[in-house]
Structure formats: structure tokens, C-alpha cells
């Protein structure tokens, strides 16, 4: 089932094309990785998909309805984004921060109920932050703050997860365990996952589909087995790529 569809989507940053006439149907259960060089516009694309950025041409269809016809509160019930940079202007505990993931579902002047609290506690357990639940977010390391951000998104539990460099600041074990959680959860619960990644081999391991942005408005998109080749990666990153055969999957290294 198509949860999200982009039709003839064209995006630019300072007269530099991010994508030109992008056409993709994103379906439930899929895990998409977006790859490209720094500055190519991966974050801009992600922000456009959830209506944080509205300067584009073409159409973004969310469950067969144009994204521009939705209220912001309704978008938040269907789409959740983990931002690349977190700002915490006011001191708040880890638990209270994670609990904000339930705010799209709570009416004005209402409080979180027991089910909301249970979701937040479960999310903290997934990211292994339960013991730090009462600590202020201003006292966390970069990796710990990233795990709080991901736990907040897990608590929100939208139909579509948008992750902007989710493995940033994370130790290797958390990179693997959390990407495994999001991809497995999306696959088994009819969710959609779209994430910007820098690591080609994490994309190879966890993604079912890839979108490669080449930096000139052109793109390559489709199942991993069709898109992930040394030639396509060299076109995307403008650097020679060496492909190494391993028992489970191909490994890609800069030559």
C-alpha cells in the first residue's frame, strides 16, 4: 500500500537542484535509504516530505491526499521526523522529552494517560535510556541525546518514520540495534521508513530500497539489489568505489 507518493517533485537550494521531476511511490513495509554527498540536499528533501519546507514544485501525496491539504496536527499523527540537530532551550528530563512524542494525539488541556506513559517507558527501554529517565537532557552526551530523539519518535509511533542521519554520534552497537529496530518494526507493522545515511554499508544491510541523489538534479531509485552497484555509487559520490564480496552481502569501500 502506498503511504507516500511524490509526483514530479522538483527541489532546489540556492539555485542548485536537489531533484528534478522525482517520481516515487513509497509503500508500507519498505525501508528507504537516501544517499548522496554532503550538501546535495538530503535534509531538504526530508523536510519537504513532512511539510517543514514548502518551496517545491510537484505534488507530495500522503495517503492519496495532497500534503498541502493537511493540517500540521494531522501530519504529525501520520509522519514523524528525527531532526539532525536538537535544541533544548528549556531544561527537561529525558522522560518528559520522550513523552512529547504523544503530543499530536492529545487535545488541548488534556494530560497524557497511562497508555501514553507506557509507550514512553517502552521507547526508553528500546534505546537503553531507562536508567537516565530523570536526568536533564542538557546533561547528556551527543550520543545519549540522539537516543532520546529516536525514543521520542518511537513514542510518537507514526505511519511514516523520517530519520535524518540517525546513526550520528551513536556508538557502533547502538547504530546496529536501533536501525534494526526501525527497519524490523516498519516491515512487520506496515510502516514506512525513509532515512538519510552516510554509511553505504549500513544502507546495504538495513534498507530494502535506495534513493541516490547525484547532485545535479538527477537521481537513481529502486530496490537495493538494482541500485547498489559500484558504478552507481561512483556516480553519486564522485569517487572510485571498491566492491568486496562477503558471505552475507557486498561491502563497499573507497578505492
Protein backbone atom coordinates (compact mmCIF):
# COMPACT_ATOMS: atom_id res chain seq x y z
CA UNK A 1 0.00 0.00 0.00
CA UNK A 2 1.37 3.43 -0.96
CA UNK A 3 1.64 5.63 2.13
CA UNK A 4 3.57 8.41 0.45
CA UNK A 5 3.93 9.35 -3.20
CA UNK A 6 5.96 12.11 -4.84
CA UNK A 7 4.93 13.20 -8.31
CA UNK A 8 7.21 15.34 -10.49
CA UNK A 9 8.83 16.75 -7.36
CA UNK A 10 11.49 19.37 -8.03
CA UNK A 11 13.56 20.94 -5.25
CA UNK A 12 16.36 23.49 -5.29
CA UNK A 13 18.70 25.12 -2.77
CA UNK A 14 20.16 28.47 -3.81
CA UNK A 15 19.54 27.66 -7.48
CA UNK A 16 21.17 24.23 -7.08
CA UNK A 17 18.86 21.37 -7.98
CA UNK A 18 18.30 18.70 -5.34
CA UNK A 19 15.99 16.64 -7.52
CA UNK A 20 14.24 17.28 -10.80
CA UNK A 21 10.90 15.57 -11.51
CA UNK A 22 11.28 12.97 -8.77
CA UNK A 23 8.62 10.26 -9.01
CA UNK A 24 8.49 7.56 -6.33
CA UNK A 25 5.77 5.57 -4.58
CA UNK A 26 6.83 4.74 -1.03
CA UNK A 27 4.95 1.70 0.26
CA UNK A 28 4.21 0.37 3.72
CA UNK A 29 6.81 -2.08 4.99
CA UNK A 30 9.65 -0.55 2.98
CA UNK A 31 12.87 0.91 4.39
CA UNK A 32 14.38 3.56 2.10
CA UNK A 33 17.90 4.90 2.40
CA UNK A 34 18.79 8.27 0.87
CA UNK A 35 22.46 8.56 -0.09
CA UNK A 36 24.44 11.46 -1.52
CA UNK A 37 27.36 13.76 -0.88
CA UNK A 38 27.28 16.46 1.80
CA UNK A 39 25.26 19.47 0.66
CA UNK A 40 23.39 17.57 -2.02
CA UNK A 41 20.04 18.27 -0.31
CA UNK A 42 19.15 15.10 1.60
CA UNK A 43 17.89 17.05 4.61
CA UNK A 44 15.98 19.48 2.38
CA UNK A 45 14.21 16.54 0.76
CA UNK A 46 13.28 15.03 4.12
CA UNK A 47 11.97 18.37 5.39
CA UNK A 48 9.87 18.77 2.24
CA UNK A 49 8.34 15.32 2.64
CA UNK A 50 6.90 16.28 6.02
CA UNK A 51 5.97 19.86 5.05
CA UNK A 52 8.64 21.60 7.14
CA UNK A 53 9.76 23.11 3.83
CA UNK A 54 7.14 24.17 1.31
CA UNK A 55 9.22 25.67 -1.54
CA UNK A 56 8.92 22.98 -4.21
CA UNK A 57 7.07 22.17 -7.39
CA UNK A 58 5.15 18.99 -7.99
CA UNK A 59 2.97 17.04 -5.58
CA UNK A 60 3.54 15.12 -2.36
CA UNK A 61 0.64 12.77 -1.70
CA UNK A 62 0.14 11.43 1.81
CA UNK A 63 -2.31 8.51 1.82
CA UNK A 64 -3.69 9.68 -1.57
CA UNK A 65 -4.30 13.25 -0.35
CA UNK A 66 -2.11 16.22 -1.21
CA UNK A 67 0.16 17.11 1.70
CA UNK A 68 -0.77 20.79 1.40
CA UNK A 69 -4.38 19.96 2.27
CA UNK A 70 -3.44 18.58 5.71
CA UNK A 71 -3.37 20.47 8.98
CA UNK A 72 0.01 20.40 10.71
CA UNK A 73 -1.52 18.47 13.63
CA UNK A 74 -2.85 15.79 11.28
CA UNK A 75 0.52 15.44 9.53
CA UNK A 76 2.14 14.85 12.93
CA UNK A 77 -0.15 11.88 13.52
CA UNK A 78 0.97 10.26 10.28
CA UNK A 79 4.59 11.39 9.91
CA UNK A 80 7.37 11.80 12.43
CA UNK A 81 10.85 13.17 11.84
CA UNK A 82 14.08 12.86 13.80
CA UNK A 83 15.97 16.08 13.11
CA UNK A 84 19.70 16.20 12.54
CA UNK A 85 20.19 18.85 15.24
CA UNK A 86 18.37 19.01 18.58
CA UNK A 87 17.74 22.21 20.51
CA UNK A 88 16.77 22.18 24.18
CA UNK A 89 16.19 25.80 25.23
CA UNK A 90 14.40 24.77 28.42
CA UNK A 91 15.63 22.14 30.89
CA UNK A 92 13.55 18.98 30.77
CA UNK A 93 14.03 15.43 31.91
CA UNK A 94 14.74 12.63 29.50
CA UNK A 95 11.36 11.05 30.26
CA UNK A 96 9.38 14.27 29.77
CA UNK A 97 11.18 14.88 26.48
CA UNK A 98 10.37 11.41 25.19
CA UNK A 99 6.75 11.80 26.31
CA UNK A 100 6.34 14.79 23.97
CA UNK A 101 6.09 12.21 21.20
CA UNK A 102 2.47 11.70 22.27
CA UNK A 103 1.50 15.38 21.92
CA UNK A 104 -0.02 15.06 18.41
CA UNK A 105 -2.67 12.75 19.89
CA UNK A 106 -3.53 14.83 22.96
CA UNK A 107 -6.22 17.51 22.78
CA UNK A 108 -5.75 20.96 24.32
CA UNK A 109 -5.90 20.99 28.11
CA UNK A 110 -5.57 17.22 28.30
CA UNK A 111 -2.81 15.28 30.05
CA UNK A 112 -1.01 12.15 28.95
CA UNK A 113 -2.81 8.98 30.01
CA UNK A 114 -1.37 5.70 31.25
CA UNK A 115 -1.11 4.30 27.71
CA UNK A 116 0.98 7.32 26.66
CA UNK A 117 3.26 6.86 29.65
CA UNK A 118 3.68 3.16 28.89
CA UNK A 119 4.69 3.96 25.29
CA UNK A 120 7.33 6.40 26.52
CA UNK A 121 8.71 3.89 29.02
CA UNK A 122 8.86 1.19 26.34
CA UNK A 123 10.71 3.54 23.98
CA UNK A 124 13.27 4.38 26.66
CA UNK A 125 13.83 0.69 27.18
CA UNK A 126 14.41 0.16 23.44
CA UNK A 127 17.14 2.83 23.33
CA UNK A 128 18.55 1.69 26.71
CA UNK A 129 17.97 5.02 28.45
CA UNK A 130 15.65 3.91 31.26
CA UNK A 131 18.26 4.49 33.95
CA UNK A 132 18.68 8.09 32.76
CA UNK A 133 14.95 8.87 32.60
CA UNK A 134 15.13 11.61 35.28
CA UNK A 135 18.34 13.24 34.02
CA UNK A 136 18.12 16.62 32.31
CA UNK A 137 18.59 16.44 28.54
CA UNK A 138 21.10 19.30 28.89
CA UNK A 139 23.40 16.93 30.78
CA UNK A 140 23.56 14.24 28.09
CA UNK A 141 26.33 13.37 25.68
CA UNK A 142 25.71 13.72 21.96
CA UNK A 143 25.04 10.03 21.57
CA UNK A 144 22.68 9.92 24.53
CA UNK A 145 20.76 12.92 23.21
CA UNK A 146 20.45 11.20 19.84
CA UNK A 147 18.95 8.13 21.51
CA UNK A 148 16.43 10.38 23.30
CA UNK A 149 15.46 11.87 19.94
CA UNK A 150 14.91 8.41 18.48
CA UNK A 151 12.95 7.32 21.57
CA UNK A 152 10.67 10.34 21.14
CA UNK A 153 9.95 9.27 17.57
CA UNK A 154 9.29 5.68 18.70
CA UNK A 155 6.83 7.07 21.26
CA UNK A 156 5.09 9.10 18.57
CA UNK A 157 4.65 5.89 16.51
CA UNK A 158 3.64 7.48 13.20
CA UNK A 159 2.86 5.66 9.97
CA UNK A 160 5.98 7.16 8.37
CA UNK A 161 9.36 7.50 10.10
CA UNK A 162 11.77 10.09 8.67
CA UNK A 163 15.30 9.81 10.07
CA UNK A 164 18.00 12.39 9.30
CA UNK A 165 21.36 10.72 9.90
CA UNK A 166 20.05 8.52 12.74
CA UNK A 167 23.47 6.94 13.38
CA UNK A 168 25.11 10.32 14.07
CA UNK A 169 27.02 10.31 17.41
CA UNK A 170 25.95 6.74 18.14
CA UNK A 171 28.34 4.01 19.21
CA UNK A 172 28.52 1.05 16.85
CA UNK A 173 26.28 -1.19 18.96
CA UNK A 174 23.51 1.42 19.04
CA UNK A 175 23.83 2.09 15.31
CA UNK A 176 23.12 -1.56 14.63
CA UNK A 177 20.46 -2.19 17.29
CA UNK A 178 18.40 0.95 16.60
CA UNK A 179 18.49 0.68 12.82
CA UNK A 180 17.50 -2.95 13.24
CA UNK A 181 14.58 -1.88 15.43
CA UNK A 182 13.25 0.71 12.98
CA UNK A 183 13.60 -1.50 9.90
CA UNK A 184 12.10 -4.55 11.60
CA UNK A 185 9.25 -2.56 13.12
CA UNK A 186 8.45 -0.89 9.81
CA UNK A 187 8.45 -4.21 7.97
CA UNK A 188 6.24 -6.09 10.44
CA UNK A 189 3.82 -3.25 11.30
CA UNK A 190 3.14 -1.82 7.83
CA UNK A 191 5.09 1.38 8.48
CA UNK A 192 7.35 3.29 6.09
CA UNK A 193 10.93 4.24 6.94
CA UNK A 194 12.93 6.85 5.00
CA UNK A 195 16.36 7.76 6.34
CA UNK A 196 19.33 9.83 5.25
CA UNK A 197 22.54 7.86 5.66
CA UNK A 198 26.24 8.44 5.08
CA UNK A 199 27.33 4.84 5.58
CA UNK A 200 26.89 2.83 2.38
CA UNK A 201 27.28 -0.46 4.21
CA UNK A 202 24.58 0.36 6.76
CA UNK A 203 22.29 1.15 3.82
CA UNK A 204 23.20 -2.20 2.25
CA UNK A 205 22.46 -4.01 5.49
CA UNK A 206 19.21 -2.36 6.55
CA UNK A 207 17.47 -0.82 3.53
CA UNK A 208 15.08 -2.51 1.13
CA UNK A 209 15.21 0.44 -1.31
CA UNK A 210 17.60 3.28 -2.10
CA UNK A 211 17.38 6.80 -3.46
CA UNK A 212 20.70 8.12 -4.72
CA UNK A 213 20.97 11.90 -5.24
CA UNK A 214 23.78 12.67 -7.68
CA UNK A 215 23.94 16.43 -7.04
CA UNK A 216 22.73 17.70 -10.40
CA UNK A 217 19.01 17.08 -10.00
CA UNK A 218 19.27 13.53 -11.31
CA UNK A 219 18.58 10.52 -9.14
CA UNK A 220 18.53 6.73 -9.08
CA UNK A 221 15.82 4.93 -7.13
CA UNK A 222 14.61 1.38 -6.62
CA UNK A 223 15.25 -1.87 -4.75
CA UNK A 224 18.70 -2.21 -3.19
CA UNK A 225 19.64 -5.14 -5.40
CA UNK A 226 19.09 -3.00 -8.51
CA UNK A 227 20.58 0.29 -7.31
CA UNK A 228 23.50 -0.58 -5.07
CA UNK A 229 26.39 -1.05 -7.51
CA UNK A 230 29.92 0.33 -7.56
CA UNK A 231 29.17 2.26 -10.76
CA UNK A 232 26.10 3.94 -9.28
CA UNK A 233 27.96 4.79 -6.06
CA UNK A 234 30.85 6.28 -8.01
CA UNK A 235 28.37 8.45 -9.91
CA UNK A 236 26.78 9.54 -6.62
CA UNK A 237 29.90 10.20 -4.55
CA UNK A 238 32.27 11.09 -7.42
CA UNK A 239 34.96 8.80 -6.08
CA UNK A 240 36.12 5.30 -7.09
CA UNK A 241 34.39 2.57 -5.10
CA UNK A 242 35.69 -0.92 -4.49
CA UNK A 243 33.12 -3.72 -4.11
CA UNK A 244 34.14 -6.67 -1.92
CA UNK A 245 32.13 -9.88 -1.83
CA UNK A 246 31.31 -11.18 1.67
CA UNK A 247 29.27 -14.27 2.64
CA UNK A 248 26.18 -12.19 3.53
CA UNK A 249 26.37 -9.03 1.41
CA UNK A 250 28.65 -6.88 -0.70
CA UNK A 251 30.93 -4.45 1.11
CA UNK A 252 31.68 -1.06 -0.46
CA UNK A 253 34.90 0.85 0.29
CA UNK A 254 36.52 3.95 -1.18
CA UNK A 255 39.23 2.85 -3.61
